[in-house]
Amino acid sequence: MALDVLIVYATRHGAAREIAHGVWERLNGDFSVQIKAADEVHDLDDVGAVVVGGSLYMGRWHPEARRFLKRFRRQLATMPFAVYALGPLKATEHDLAASRKQLDHALAKVPEAKPRTVAVFGGVIDPTKLHFPFNHMPASDARDWDEIDGWTASLPEALDLVREREPEPAIA
């Protein structure tokens, strides 16, 4: 059976995986959807579309996300795909734009593969998961789940997905 969407994530501490699961929850049911860590993907055979996500660390997109794009660049050049990144500790316009620039730098390394939609969301700091001196940083979570959900809701159109079933009519 062909897979409508493969959601691929690259993460060190789990935040990008949490976004991947949020995307899966929104799309699953209307489409056949699967989630995998970037380093666990061996082929894109029978995959209709891909969503690739990873965190930005020290100005660079997660290495496994970059490797995934490089490894599958030829296939991604012929299929619809979307990209997201988690970056800044504050979701200000300026910080999100700076993170978008960092993500665009990574995407420019695989010019043949052009994502249909790209998003940057606020990042997460959980000091309990970090080593010295970063474990002394204040905890923060700058993800805006309403924004993430809105972006996810736009994916079926952006990726040319066809619903397996029609949505149930709302009961008034």
C-alpha atoms as a PDB file:
ATOM      1  CA  MET A   1       0.000   0.000   0.000  1.00  0.00           C
ATOM      2  CA  ALA A   2       1.310   3.441  -0.881  1.00  0.00           C
ATOM      3  CA  LEU A   3       1.946   5.879   1.922  1.00  0.00           C
ATOM      4  CA  ASP A   4       0.424   9.339   1.495  1.00  0.00           C
ATOM      5  CA  VAL A   5       2.805  11.136   3.852  1.00  0.00           C
ATOM      6  CA  LEU A   6       6.058  10.238   5.541  1.00  0.00           C
ATOM      7  CA  ILE A   7       6.901  12.550   8.431  1.00  0.00           C
ATOM      8  CA  VAL A   8      10.637  12.603   9.073  1.00  0.00           C
ATOM      9  CA  TYR A   9      12.239  14.256  12.081  1.00  0.00           C
ATOM     10  CA  ALA A  10      15.725  14.880  13.420  1.00  0.00           C
ATOM     11  CA  THR A  11      16.057  15.746  17.090  1.00  0.00           C
ATOM     12  CA  ARG A  12      18.473  15.689  19.993  1.00  0.00           C
ATOM     13  CA  HIS A  13      16.097  16.271  22.868  1.00  0.00           C
ATOM     14  CA  GLY A  14      12.672  15.411  21.457  1.00  0.00           C
ATOM     15  CA  ALA A  15      11.071  18.751  20.499  1.00  0.00           C
ATOM     16  CA  ALA A  16      11.120  18.090  16.731  1.00  0.00           C
ATOM     17  CA  ARG A  17       9.679  14.603  17.368  1.00  0.00           C
ATOM     18  CA  GLU A  18       6.834  16.202  19.357  1.00  0.00           C
ATOM     19  CA  ILE A  19       6.043  18.445  16.380  1.00  0.00           C
ATOM     20  CA  ALA A  20       6.146  15.394  14.079  1.00  0.00           C
ATOM     21  CA  HIS A  21       3.604  13.654  16.312  1.00  0.00           C
ATOM     22  CA  GLY A  22       1.403  16.764  16.256  1.00  0.00           C
ATOM     23  CA  VAL A  23       1.493  16.749  12.438  1.00  0.00           C
ATOM     24  CA  TRP A  24       0.722  13.016  12.451  1.00  0.00           C
ATOM     25  CA  GLU A  25      -2.270  13.494  14.771  1.00  0.00           C
ATOM     26  CA  ARG A  26      -3.703  16.166  12.484  1.00  0.00           C
ATOM     27  CA  LEU A  27      -3.215  14.218   9.227  1.00  0.00           C
ATOM     28  CA  ASN A  28      -3.775  10.638  10.344  1.00  0.00           C
ATOM     29  CA  GLY A  29      -7.257   9.378   9.614  1.00  0.00           C
ATOM     30  CA  ASP A  30      -7.664  11.438   6.463  1.00  0.00           C
ATOM     31  CA  PHE A  31      -4.402  10.129   4.973  1.00  0.00           C
ATOM     32  CA  SER A  32      -2.057   7.200   5.447  1.00  0.00           C
ATOM     33  CA  VAL A  33       0.764   8.714   7.500  1.00  0.00           C
ATOM     34  CA  GLN A  34       3.923   7.333   9.067  1.00  0.00           C
ATOM     35  CA  ILE A  35       6.604   8.923  11.276  1.00  0.00           C
ATOM     36  CA  LYS A  36      10.292   7.989  11.242  1.00  0.00           C
ATOM     37  CA  ALA A  37      13.517   9.399  12.564  1.00  0.00           C
ATOM     38  CA  ALA A  38      15.601  10.735   9.660  1.00  0.00           C
ATOM     39  CA  ASP A  39      18.348   8.186  10.173  1.00  0.00           C
ATOM     40  CA  GLU A  40      15.807   5.325  10.011  1.00  0.00           C
ATOM     41  CA  VAL A  41      14.552   6.154   6.509  1.00  0.00           C
ATOM     42  CA  HIS A  42      16.066   3.839   3.891  1.00  0.00           C
ATOM     43  CA  ASP A  43      13.949   4.701   0.859  1.00  0.00           C
ATOM     44  CA  LEU A  44      11.049   6.838  -0.299  1.00  0.00           C
ATOM     45  CA  ASP A  45       9.508   4.180  -2.541  1.00  0.00           C
ATOM     46  CA  ASP A  46       5.698   4.307  -2.509  1.00  0.00           C
ATOM     47  CA  VAL A  47       5.698   7.605  -0.555  1.00  0.00           C
ATOM     48  CA  GLY A  48       3.499  10.362  -1.959  1.00  0.00           C
ATOM     49  CA  ALA A  49       4.785  13.316   0.068  1.00  0.00           C
ATOM     50  CA  VAL A  50       7.302  14.028   2.812  1.00  0.00           C
ATOM     51  CA  VAL A  51       7.393  16.397   5.778  1.00  0.00           C
ATOM     52  CA  VAL A  52      10.932  16.919   7.127  1.00  0.00           C
ATOM     53  CA  GLY A  53      11.600  18.582  10.455  1.00  0.00           C
ATOM     54  CA  GLY A  54      14.509  19.262  12.723  1.00  0.00           C
ATOM     55  CA  SER A  55      15.821  21.660  15.294  1.00  0.00           C
ATOM     56  CA  LEU A  56      18.355  24.382  14.707  1.00  0.00           C
ATOM     57  CA  TYR A  57      21.389  24.179  16.980  1.00  0.00           C
ATOM     58  CA  MET A  58      23.994  26.923  17.114  1.00  0.00           C
ATOM     59  CA  GLY A  59      22.774  28.291  13.786  1.00  0.00           C
ATOM     60  CA  ARG A  60      22.681  24.975  11.922  1.00  0.00           C
ATOM     61  CA  TRP A  61      19.832  22.640  11.080  1.00  0.00           C
ATOM     62  CA  HIS A  62      20.128  19.223  12.721  1.00  0.00           C
ATOM     63  CA  PRO A  63      22.780  17.148  10.867  1.00  0.00           C
ATOM     64  CA  GLU A  64      20.424  14.181  10.350  1.00  0.00           C
ATOM     65  CA  ALA A  65      17.853  16.459   8.681  1.00  0.00           C
ATOM     66  CA  ARG A  66      20.573  17.832   6.392  1.00  0.00           C
ATOM     67  CA  ARG A  67      21.797  14.304   5.594  1.00  0.00           C
ATOM     68  CA  PHE A  68      18.245  13.190   4.830  1.00  0.00           C
ATOM     69  CA  LEU A  69      17.794  16.001   2.298  1.00  0.00           C
ATOM     70  CA  LYS A  70      21.146  15.279   0.711  1.00  0.00           C
ATOM     71  CA  ARG A  71      20.601  11.495   0.587  1.00  0.00           C
ATOM     72  CA  PHE A  72      17.126  11.768  -0.988  1.00  0.00           C
ATOM     73  CA  ARG A  73      17.555  14.995  -2.962  1.00  0.00           C
ATOM     74  CA  ARG A  74      16.820  13.374  -6.344  1.00  0.00           C
ATOM     75  CA  GLN A  75      13.565  11.811  -5.162  1.00  0.00           C
ATOM     76  CA  LEU A  76      12.553  14.937  -3.252  1.00  0.00           C
ATOM     77  CA  ALA A  77      13.087  16.960  -6.441  1.00  0.00           C
ATOM     78  CA  THR A  78      10.224  14.993  -8.034  1.00  0.00           C
ATOM     79  CA  MET A  79       7.769  14.873  -5.141  1.00  0.00           C
ATOM     80  CA  PRO A  80       5.936  17.330  -2.913  1.00  0.00           C
ATOM     81  CA  PHE A  81       7.594  17.916   0.437  1.00  0.00           C
ATOM     82  CA  ALA A  82       7.456  20.365   3.317  1.00  0.00           C
ATOM     83  CA  VAL A  83      10.074  21.455   5.835  1.00  0.00           C
ATOM     84  CA  TYR A  84       9.919  22.773   9.379  1.00  0.00           C
ATOM     85  CA  ALA A  85      12.519  23.800  11.901  1.00  0.00           C
ATOM     86  CA  LEU A  86      12.495  24.705  15.555  1.00  0.00           C
ATOM     87  CA  GLY A  87      14.828  27.498  16.387  1.00  0.00           C
ATOM     88  CA  PRO A  88      14.678  30.580  18.476  1.00  0.00           C
ATOM     89  CA  LEU A  89      14.119  30.653  22.202  1.00  0.00           C
ATOM     90  CA  LYS A  90      11.774  33.596  21.687  1.00  0.00           C
ATOM     91  CA  ALA A  91       9.224  33.550  18.900  1.00  0.00           C
ATOM     92  CA  THR A  92       9.716  37.200  17.970  1.00  0.00           C
ATOM     93  CA  GLU A  93       9.529  38.239  14.332  1.00  0.00           C
ATOM     94  CA  HIS A  94      13.237  39.093  14.351  1.00  0.00           C
ATOM     95  CA  ASP A  95      14.311  35.793  15.947  1.00  0.00           C
ATOM     96  CA  LEU A  96      12.099  33.703  13.669  1.00  0.00           C
ATOM     97  CA  ALA A  97      13.485  35.539  10.607  1.00  0.00           C
ATOM     98  CA  ALA A  98      17.057  34.861  11.751  1.00  0.00           C
ATOM     99  CA  SER A  99      16.249  31.174  12.193  1.00  0.00           C
ATOM    100  CA  ARG A 100      14.561  31.079   8.784  1.00  0.00           C
ATOM    101  CA  LYS A 101      17.767  32.441   7.268  1.00  0.00           C
ATOM    102  CA  GLN A 102      19.721  29.612   8.930  1.00  0.00           C
ATOM    103  CA  LEU A 103      17.250  27.042   7.620  1.00  0.00           C
ATOM    104  CA  ASP A 104      17.350  28.567   4.126  1.00  0.00           C
ATOM    105  CA  HIS A 105      21.145  28.201   4.212  1.00  0.00           C
ATOM    106  CA  ALA A 106      20.757  24.449   4.833  1.00  0.00           C
ATOM    107  CA  LEU A 107      18.098  24.111   2.115  1.00  0.00           C
ATOM    108  CA  ALA A 108      20.329  25.945  -0.385  1.00  0.00           C
ATOM    109  CA  LYS A 109      22.802  23.040  -0.181  1.00  0.00           C
ATOM    110  CA  VAL A 110      20.268  20.867  -2.044  1.00  0.00           C
ATOM    111  CA  PRO A 111      18.964  23.295  -4.679  1.00  0.00           C
ATOM    112  CA  GLU A 112      17.367  20.579  -6.777  1.00  0.00           C
ATOM    113  CA  ALA A 113      14.903  19.783  -3.969  1.00  0.00           C
ATOM    114  CA  LYS A 114      12.482  22.652  -3.403  1.00  0.00           C
ATOM    115  CA  PRO A 115      10.010  22.326  -0.526  1.00  0.00           C
ATOM    116  CA  ARG A 116       6.464  23.463  -1.224  1.00  0.00           C
ATOM    117  CA  THR A 117       6.142  25.039   2.190  1.00  0.00           C
ATOM    118  CA  VAL A 118       8.631  25.933   4.922  1.00  0.00           C
ATOM    119  CA  ALA A 119       7.949  26.904   8.532  1.00  0.00           C
ATOM    120  CA  VAL A 120      10.057  27.926  11.500  1.00  0.00           C
ATOM    121  CA  PHE A 121       8.655  27.571  14.985  1.00  0.00           C
ATOM    122  CA  GLY A 122       9.975  28.628  18.354  1.00  0.00           C
ATOM    123  CA  GLY A 123      12.348  26.249  20.072  1.00  0.00           C
ATOM    124  CA  VAL A 124      12.532  24.507  23.424  1.00  0.00           C
ATOM    125  CA  ILE A 125      15.107  24.559  26.203  1.00  0.00           C
ATOM    126  CA  ASP A 126      14.853  21.851  28.849  1.00  0.00           C
ATOM    127  CA  PRO A 127      17.911  22.333  31.064  1.00  0.00           C
ATOM    128  CA  THR A 128      17.466  18.858  32.560  1.00  0.00           C
ATOM    129  CA  LYS A 129      18.401  17.386  29.158  1.00  0.00           C
ATOM    130  CA  LEU A 130      21.470  19.570  28.610  1.00  0.00           C
ATOM    131  CA  HIS A 131      25.107  19.425  29.627  1.00  0.00           C
ATOM    132  CA  PHE A 132      27.083  22.123  31.403  1.00  0.00           C
ATOM    133  CA  PRO A 133      26.981  25.111  30.904  1.00  0.00           C
ATOM    134  CA  PHE A 134      23.673  24.917  29.011  1.00  0.00           C
ATOM    135  CA  ASN A 135      21.991  23.086  31.888  1.00  0.00           C
ATOM    136  CA  HIS A 136      22.004  26.429  33.736  1.00  0.00           C
ATOM    137  CA  MET A 137      19.832  28.119  31.113  1.00  0.00           C
ATOM    138  CA  PRO A 138      16.244  28.909  32.084  1.00  0.00           C
ATOM    139  CA  ALA A 139      13.634  26.497  30.790  1.00  0.00           C
ATOM    140  CA  SER A 140      11.575  27.791  27.881  1.00  0.00           C
ATOM    141  CA  ASP A 141       9.164  26.571  25.242  1.00  0.00           C
ATOM    142  CA  ALA A 142       8.549  29.094  22.455  1.00  0.00           C
ATOM    143  CA  ARG A 143       6.479  26.741  20.303  1.00  0.00           C
ATOM    144  CA  ASP A 144       3.098  28.163  19.305  1.00  0.00           C
ATOM    145  CA  TRP A 145       0.908  25.090  18.929  1.00  0.00           C
ATOM    146  CA  ASP A 146      -1.886  27.098  17.271  1.00  0.00           C
ATOM    147  CA  GLU A 147       0.611  28.225  14.611  1.00  0.00           C
ATOM    148  CA  ILE A 148       1.916  24.668  14.216  1.00  0.00           C
ATOM    149  CA  ASP A 149      -1.639  23.364  13.859  1.00  0.00           C
ATOM    150  CA  GLY A 150      -2.448  26.061  11.288  1.00  0.00           C
ATOM    151  CA  TRP A 151       0.624  25.183   9.235  1.00  0.00           C
ATOM    152  CA  THR A 152      -0.250  21.488   9.483  1.00  0.00           C
ATOM    153  CA  ALA A 153      -3.805  22.239   8.309  1.00  0.00           C
ATOM    154  CA  SER A 154      -2.316  23.824   5.161  1.00  0.00           C
ATOM    155  CA  LEU A 155      -0.259  20.738   4.290  1.00  0.00           C
ATOM    156  CA  PRO A 156      -2.912  18.735   2.378  1.00  0.00           C
ATOM    157  CA  GLU A 157      -3.308  21.534  -0.157  1.00  0.00           C
ATOM    158  CA  ALA A 158       0.418  22.371  -0.302  1.00  0.00           C
ATOM    159  CA  LEU A 159       1.356  18.704  -0.812  1.00  0.00           C
ATOM    160  CA  ASP A 160      -1.519  17.880  -3.212  1.00  0.00           C
ATOM    161  CA  LEU A 161      -2.918  15.242  -0.868  1.00  0.00           C
ATOM    162  CA  VAL A 162      -6.256  13.653  -1.665  1.00  0.00           C
ATOM    163  CA  ARG A 163      -8.367  12.712   1.341  1.00  0.00           C
ATOM    164  CA  GLU A 164      -9.116   9.024   1.757  1.00  0.00           C
ATOM    165  CA  ARG A 165     -12.558   9.893   3.037  1.00  0.00           C
ATOM    166  CA  GLU A 166     -14.693  12.968   3.208  1.00  0.00           C
ATOM    167  CA  PRO A 167     -14.828  14.754   6.566  1.00  0.00           C
ATOM    168  CA  GLU A 168     -17.945  14.152   8.624  1.00  0.00           C
ATOM    169  CA  PRO A 169     -20.458  17.003   8.422  1.00  0.00           C
ATOM    170  CA  ALA A 170     -20.674  19.175  11.513  1.00  0.00           C
ATOM    171  CA  ILE A 171     -23.771  18.671  13.604  1.00  0.00           C
ATOM    172  CA  ALA A 172     -25.556  21.952  14.283  1.00  0.00           C
END
